[in-house]
Amino acid sequence: MFQTGLVTLLLGRRDIAAAVDLDTVFDLLAAGFRAPVAEHPPLRIRTDLPGPGTATCLMPGLLPDVPAYTVKVNAKFAAAAPALRGVVCLHALADGQLLALLDSASVTAWRTGLAAALATHTLAPPAADTLGFIGAGAQAATTLAGLRHLRRWSRIVATDLDPPRAAALPAEVVPAPAEVADVVVLATWSRTPLLSREDVRPGQHLTSLGADEPGKRELSTDLLAASRLIVDDVDLALSGGALGSAGLPASTCAGTIGEVLRGDLPAVAPPELTSVYSPVGLPWQDLALSWAIYQAATHEGTGTRVDLLS
């Protein structure tokens, strides 16, 4: 359902949070992962800026059966709050009409968190019921929301440089979540490994969300090499993700989460191995979240309507 005329819908953080329907977004994310690999890969363009920041553009976000596409423009400044700032532009596929402008920090947090939750639930052993977080910021919060929707957890623990933030996740604050949790989600800005092979155990699952740019690392080379590693895109993992930053070849990777969800690879790793999921993030995930939000906001009459061409 599109807005009439040339009206553009402005959707901020509160609008987005209020419009997230987890089941709808999970369905779109699962369909996106299962879709055949695009003949022409989408572009992910990143550049350093003078000073402490980086700029990134992801385009186009496309999904089968969705009559729209996205272009996302981000600035990342680790010391800022929020650290990620920018917009997601939602365009009509037929004529390019700008349907909506969405806060990029919110879209990124929700789409990355829910995509991570879907993959984590899929790859973690069915009996795993203790969940840990290393890093308890916005990304951890959306991942936790998704994982609570998909699975029951008997215990949730976390650590963060700011202990009150870990407690507010909400979680039990512990110094080393990997020592007590069956499933550990890392969501940090670290450029040095936080976990090595000796810190984990067979049958444990790790989801590393921080290795999404060159030089960012959360897991050591020996841990990645000894684990069953699943990524979202092998080429991106080599150029700007876990493989490239650790200096590992593509052969280290067992496959992609798309192959798992299509049934081409088993979901759960052999019990003698640690399981790792390390995504970089794909443009179509922005569309999955933005399209669901746009439809809900249009139906409910929320957001701010503007005519940028008037």
Protein backbone atom coordinates (compact mmCIF):
# COMPACT_ATOMS: atom_id res chain seq x y z
CA MET A 1 0.00 0.00 0.00
CA PHE A 2 1.57 3.27 -1.14
CA GLN A 3 0.84 6.84 -0.12
CA THR A 4 -1.13 8.78 -2.70
CA GLY A 5 0.51 11.62 -4.62
CA LEU A 6 4.16 12.38 -3.89
CA VAL A 7 3.93 12.38 -0.11
CA THR A 8 6.96 11.03 1.77
CA LEU A 9 6.52 9.51 5.22
CA LEU A 10 9.09 10.52 7.84
CA LEU A 11 9.57 7.76 10.44
CA GLY A 12 11.69 8.39 13.52
CA ARG A 13 12.86 6.15 16.33
CA ARG A 14 9.56 6.05 18.22
CA ASP A 15 7.54 5.51 15.04
CA ILE A 16 9.76 2.58 14.08
CA ALA A 17 9.76 0.95 17.51
CA ALA A 18 5.97 1.21 17.73
CA ALA A 19 5.48 -0.33 14.28
CA VAL A 20 7.77 -3.37 14.60
CA ASP A 21 5.76 -6.59 14.30
CA LEU A 22 8.19 -9.40 15.06
CA ASP A 23 6.36 -12.15 13.20
CA THR A 24 6.02 -10.04 10.05
CA VAL A 25 9.69 -9.05 10.08
CA PHE A 26 10.87 -12.60 10.79
CA ASP A 27 8.83 -13.87 7.83
CA LEU A 28 10.39 -11.26 5.52
CA LEU A 29 13.90 -11.97 6.82
CA ALA A 30 13.52 -15.72 6.39
CA ALA A 31 12.23 -15.23 2.85
CA GLY A 32 15.17 -12.97 2.07
CA PHE A 33 17.72 -15.47 3.34
CA ARG A 34 16.06 -18.29 1.37
CA ALA A 35 15.93 -16.31 -1.87
CA PRO A 36 18.46 -17.28 -4.57
CA VAL A 37 21.70 -15.31 -4.52
CA ALA A 38 21.31 -12.21 -6.69
CA GLU A 39 22.96 -12.33 -10.10
CA HIS A 40 24.26 -8.80 -9.56
CA PRO A 41 25.37 -8.44 -5.93
CA PRO A 42 24.22 -5.30 -4.09
CA LEU A 43 26.74 -2.60 -3.31
CA ARG A 44 28.17 -1.92 0.12
CA ILE A 45 30.39 1.15 -0.12
CA ARG A 46 32.44 2.26 2.88
CA THR A 47 35.00 5.00 3.33
CA ASP A 48 36.94 6.49 6.22
CA LEU A 49 36.28 10.13 7.01
CA PRO A 50 38.76 12.74 8.29
CA GLY A 51 38.72 12.21 12.04
CA PRO A 52 37.08 9.33 13.91
CA GLY A 53 34.14 8.44 11.67
CA THR A 54 33.24 6.33 8.65
CA ALA A 55 30.56 6.65 5.98
CA THR A 56 28.70 3.72 4.44
CA CYS A 57 26.13 3.35 1.67
CA LEU A 58 24.15 0.14 1.07
CA MET A 59 22.13 -0.16 -2.13
CA PRO A 60 19.86 -1.37 -3.44
CA GLY A 61 17.91 -3.38 -0.89
CA LEU A 62 15.71 -5.74 -2.91
CA LEU A 63 13.40 -8.63 -2.02
CA PRO A 64 11.23 -10.86 -4.21
CA ASP A 65 7.57 -9.78 -4.17
CA VAL A 66 8.28 -6.43 -2.45
CA PRO A 67 7.50 -3.54 -4.85
CA ALA A 68 10.08 -1.22 -3.31
CA TYR A 69 13.81 -0.87 -2.73
CA THR A 70 16.04 0.85 -0.17
CA VAL A 71 19.17 2.96 -0.20
CA LYS A 72 20.86 3.46 3.18
CA VAL A 73 23.36 6.19 3.98
CA ASN A 74 25.13 5.96 7.33
CA ALA A 75 27.75 7.79 9.34
CA LYS A 76 29.44 5.80 12.13
CA PHE A 77 31.15 7.56 15.03
CA ALA A 78 32.01 5.15 17.83
CA ALA A 79 32.07 7.81 20.56
CA ALA A 80 28.76 9.42 19.56
CA ALA A 81 25.32 8.58 20.93
CA PRO A 82 23.87 7.06 18.89
CA ALA A 83 27.04 5.84 17.21
CA LEU A 84 25.26 5.35 13.88
CA ARG A 85 23.39 8.20 12.18
CA GLY A 86 21.74 8.53 8.82
CA VAL A 87 18.65 7.68 6.80
CA VAL A 88 17.12 4.77 4.96
CA CYS A 89 15.32 5.86 1.79
CA LEU A 90 12.42 3.63 0.78
CA HIS A 91 11.54 4.01 -2.92
CA ALA A 92 8.77 2.58 -5.07
CA LEU A 93 10.29 0.04 -7.45
CA ALA A 94 8.06 1.07 -10.36
CA ASP A 95 8.97 4.76 -10.56
CA GLY A 96 11.42 5.62 -7.77
CA GLN A 97 8.92 7.61 -5.70
CA LEU A 98 10.40 8.32 -2.27
CA LEU A 99 7.87 6.59 -0.06
CA ALA A 100 9.58 7.06 3.28
CA LEU A 101 12.66 8.35 5.08
CA LEU A 102 13.48 6.26 8.15
CA ASP A 103 15.97 6.80 10.96
CA SER A 104 18.93 4.63 10.01
CA ALA A 105 20.09 3.91 13.57
CA SER A 106 16.70 2.42 14.43
CA VAL A 107 16.34 0.46 11.19
CA THR A 108 19.87 -0.92 11.53
CA ALA A 109 19.44 -1.89 15.16
CA TRP A 110 16.15 -3.68 14.54
CA ARG A 111 17.02 -5.40 11.27
CA THR A 112 20.45 -6.51 12.47
CA GLY A 113 19.11 -7.65 15.82
CA LEU A 114 16.19 -9.59 14.39
CA ALA A 115 18.26 -11.12 11.59
CA ALA A 116 20.81 -12.15 14.23
CA ALA A 117 18.06 -13.59 16.42
CA LEU A 118 16.67 -15.64 13.53
CA ALA A 119 20.11 -17.01 12.64
CA THR A 120 21.07 -17.64 16.28
CA HIS A 121 17.85 -19.53 16.97
CA THR A 122 18.36 -21.57 13.79
CA LEU A 123 22.00 -22.48 14.45
CA ALA A 124 22.00 -22.97 18.24
CA PRO A 125 21.27 -26.48 19.55
CA PRO A 126 17.54 -26.89 20.35
CA ALA A 127 18.29 -27.64 24.01
CA ALA A 128 20.35 -24.46 24.52
CA ASP A 129 18.50 -22.33 27.04
CA THR A 130 21.05 -20.02 28.67
CA LEU A 131 21.85 -16.80 26.82
CA GLY A 132 24.77 -14.41 27.30
CA PHE A 133 25.71 -11.01 25.88
CA ILE A 134 29.08 -9.35 25.58
CA GLY A 135 28.11 -5.75 24.93
CA ALA A 136 24.68 -4.55 26.03
CA GLY A 137 23.87 -1.61 23.78
CA ALA A 138 21.03 -1.04 21.33
CA GLN A 139 22.09 -3.94 19.14
CA ALA A 140 21.99 -6.36 22.04
CA ALA A 141 18.54 -5.10 23.06
CA THR A 142 16.93 -5.78 19.68
CA THR A 143 18.65 -9.17 19.40
CA LEU A 144 17.34 -10.09 22.84
CA ALA A 145 13.81 -9.00 21.88
CA GLY A 146 13.95 -11.31 18.89
CA LEU A 147 15.47 -14.25 20.77
CA ARG A 148 12.87 -14.01 23.52
CA HIS A 149 10.18 -14.18 20.85
CA LEU A 150 11.70 -17.29 19.25
CA ARG A 151 12.82 -19.32 22.26
CA ARG A 152 12.43 -19.58 26.04
CA TRP A 153 15.56 -18.90 28.08
CA SER A 154 16.13 -20.13 31.62
CA ARG A 155 18.85 -17.55 32.29
CA ILE A 156 20.12 -14.38 30.60
CA VAL A 157 23.51 -12.93 31.55
CA ALA A 158 25.55 -10.02 30.22
CA THR A 159 28.68 -7.96 30.61
CA ASP A 160 29.37 -4.43 29.39
CA LEU A 161 31.89 -1.65 30.02
CA ASP A 162 28.91 0.10 31.65
CA PRO A 163 27.50 -2.48 34.16
CA PRO A 164 24.17 -0.63 34.68
CA ARG A 165 23.55 -0.90 30.94
CA ALA A 166 24.01 -4.67 31.14
CA ALA A 167 21.56 -4.84 34.04
CA ALA A 168 19.05 -2.75 32.10
CA LEU A 169 19.15 -5.13 29.14
CA PRO A 170 17.68 -6.76 31.35
CA ALA A 171 20.18 -9.41 32.34
CA GLU A 172 22.16 -10.76 35.25
CA VAL A 173 25.54 -9.01 35.23
CA VAL A 174 28.45 -11.49 35.17
CA PRO A 175 32.12 -10.97 34.30
CA ALA A 176 32.37 -13.75 31.69
CA PRO A 177 29.11 -14.74 29.93
CA ALA A 178 30.87 -17.38 27.81
CA GLU A 179 31.64 -19.37 30.94
CA VAL A 180 27.99 -19.87 31.83
CA ALA A 181 25.88 -19.45 28.66
CA ASP A 182 25.05 -21.99 25.96
CA VAL A 183 24.57 -19.15 23.45
CA VAL A 184 26.67 -15.97 23.48
CA VAL A 185 25.97 -12.84 21.41
CA LEU A 186 28.82 -10.35 21.00
CA ALA A 187 27.81 -6.82 20.00
CA THR A 188 30.78 -4.51 20.50
CA TRP A 189 33.12 -2.09 18.70
CA SER A 190 36.18 -4.18 19.60
CA ARG A 191 39.26 -4.30 17.37
CA THR A 192 40.96 -6.96 19.48
CA PRO A 193 39.52 -10.46 20.04
CA LEU A 194 37.36 -10.81 23.14
CA LEU A 195 37.14 -14.61 23.04
CA SER A 196 39.70 -17.22 22.00
CA ARG A 197 39.47 -20.97 21.55
CA GLU A 198 40.27 -21.65 25.21
CA ASP A 199 37.31 -19.50 26.33
CA VAL A 200 34.61 -21.63 24.69
CA ARG A 201 33.46 -25.22 24.65
CA PRO A 202 32.14 -27.74 22.12
CA GLY A 203 28.42 -27.43 21.46
CA GLN A 204 28.35 -23.75 22.37
CA HIS A 205 27.03 -21.21 19.86
CA LEU A 206 28.49 -17.71 19.36
CA THR A 207 26.99 -14.89 17.29
CA SER A 208 29.50 -12.12 16.57
CA LEU A 209 27.84 -8.91 15.36
CA GLY A 210 30.78 -6.54 15.79
CA ALA A 211 32.99 -7.84 12.96
CA ASP A 212 31.14 -5.81 10.33
CA GLU A 213 33.95 -3.51 9.13
CA PRO A 214 37.63 -4.05 8.28
CA GLY A 215 39.72 -4.31 11.45
CA LYS A 216 36.84 -4.99 13.85
CA ARG A 217 37.31 -8.30 15.66
CA GLU A 218 35.53 -10.08 18.49
CA LEU A 219 36.73 -13.67 18.02
CA SER A 220 40.34 -14.83 17.69
CA THR A 221 41.77 -16.45 14.58
CA ASP A 222 42.28 -19.79 16.32
CA LEU A 223 38.67 -19.81 17.54
CA LEU A 224 37.24 -19.05 14.09
CA ALA A 225 39.49 -21.65 12.44
CA ALA A 226 38.47 -24.37 14.89
CA SER A 227 34.71 -23.65 14.77
CA ARG A 228 31.91 -24.29 12.33
CA LEU A 229 31.64 -20.78 10.89
CA ILE A 230 28.48 -19.56 9.13
CA VAL A 231 28.27 -16.06 7.58
CA ASP A 232 25.65 -14.07 5.68
CA ASP A 233 27.85 -13.47 2.62
CA VAL A 234 31.26 -15.06 2.00
CA ASP A 235 32.65 -12.24 -0.17
CA LEU A 236 31.71 -9.61 2.41
CA ALA A 237 33.15 -11.74 5.21
CA LEU A 238 36.44 -11.76 3.27
CA SER A 239 36.50 -8.07 2.36
CA GLY A 240 35.19 -6.50 5.54
CA GLY A 241 34.06 -9.15 8.00
CA ALA A 242 35.35 -11.88 10.27
CA LEU A 243 37.39 -13.78 7.67
CA GLY A 244 39.25 -10.77 6.30
CA SER A 245 40.03 -9.22 9.67
CA ALA A 246 41.37 -12.57 10.95
CA GLY A 247 43.37 -13.24 7.78
CA LEU A 248 41.49 -16.47 7.05
CA PRO A 249 40.57 -17.90 3.62
CA ALA A 250 37.05 -18.54 2.34
CA SER A 251 37.55 -22.26 2.95
CA THR A 252 37.38 -21.58 6.70
CA CYS A 253 33.67 -20.86 6.29
CA ALA A 254 31.20 -23.76 6.26
CA GLY A 255 28.60 -21.76 4.32
CA THR A 256 25.92 -19.08 4.65
CA ILE A 257 22.79 -18.77 6.73
CA GLY A 258 20.86 -18.69 3.44
CA GLU A 259 22.14 -22.18 2.61
CA VAL A 260 21.12 -23.35 6.07
CA LEU A 261 17.59 -21.93 5.81
CA ARG A 262 17.17 -23.37 2.30
CA GLY A 263 18.06 -26.79 3.70
CA ASP A 264 21.34 -27.10 1.78
CA LEU A 265 23.36 -27.28 5.02
CA PRO A 266 22.45 -28.73 8.43
CA ALA A 267 21.44 -26.11 10.96
CA VAL A 268 23.27 -27.39 14.04
CA ALA A 269 27.02 -28.00 14.15
CA PRO A 270 28.45 -31.38 15.13
CA PRO A 271 28.51 -31.63 18.95
CA GLU A 272 32.32 -31.67 19.05
CA LEU A 273 32.52 -28.19 17.49
CA THR A 274 31.74 -24.66 18.58
CA SER A 275 29.25 -22.95 16.28
CA VAL A 276 29.85 -19.36 15.12
CA TYR A 277 27.66 -16.97 13.14
CA SER A 278 29.36 -13.76 12.01
CA PRO A 279 27.31 -11.55 9.66
CA VAL A 280 28.29 -8.28 8.00
CA GLY A 281 24.76 -7.19 7.09
CA LEU A 282 23.00 -7.14 3.70
CA PRO A 283 21.05 -4.32 2.03
CA TRP A 284 17.87 -6.37 1.57
CA GLN A 285 17.58 -6.64 5.36
CA ASP A 286 17.00 -2.87 5.47
CA LEU A 287 14.15 -3.36 3.01
CA ALA A 288 12.61 -6.18 5.05
CA LEU A 289 12.40 -3.98 8.14
CA SER A 290 11.56 -0.74 6.33
CA TRP A 291 8.79 -2.29 4.23
CA ALA A 292 7.13 -3.83 7.28
CA ILE A 293 7.38 -0.52 9.17
CA TYR A 294 6.08 1.50 6.22
CA GLN A 295 3.04 -0.72 5.76
CA ALA A 296 2.21 -0.63 9.47
CA ALA A 297 2.67 3.14 9.72
CA THR A 298 0.56 3.73 6.61
CA HIS A 299 -2.22 1.54 7.99
CA GLU A 300 -2.13 3.21 11.43
CA GLY A 301 -1.65 6.76 10.13
CA THR A 302 1.57 7.33 12.10
CA GLY A 303 4.69 9.22 11.09
CA THR A 304 4.97 12.69 9.57
CA ARG A 305 3.92 13.33 5.98
CA VAL A 306 5.84 15.80 3.84
CA ASP A 307 5.93 16.74 0.17
CA LEU A 308 9.61 17.24 -0.59
CA LEU A 309 8.83 18.34 -4.13
CA SER A 310 6.39 21.12 -3.25
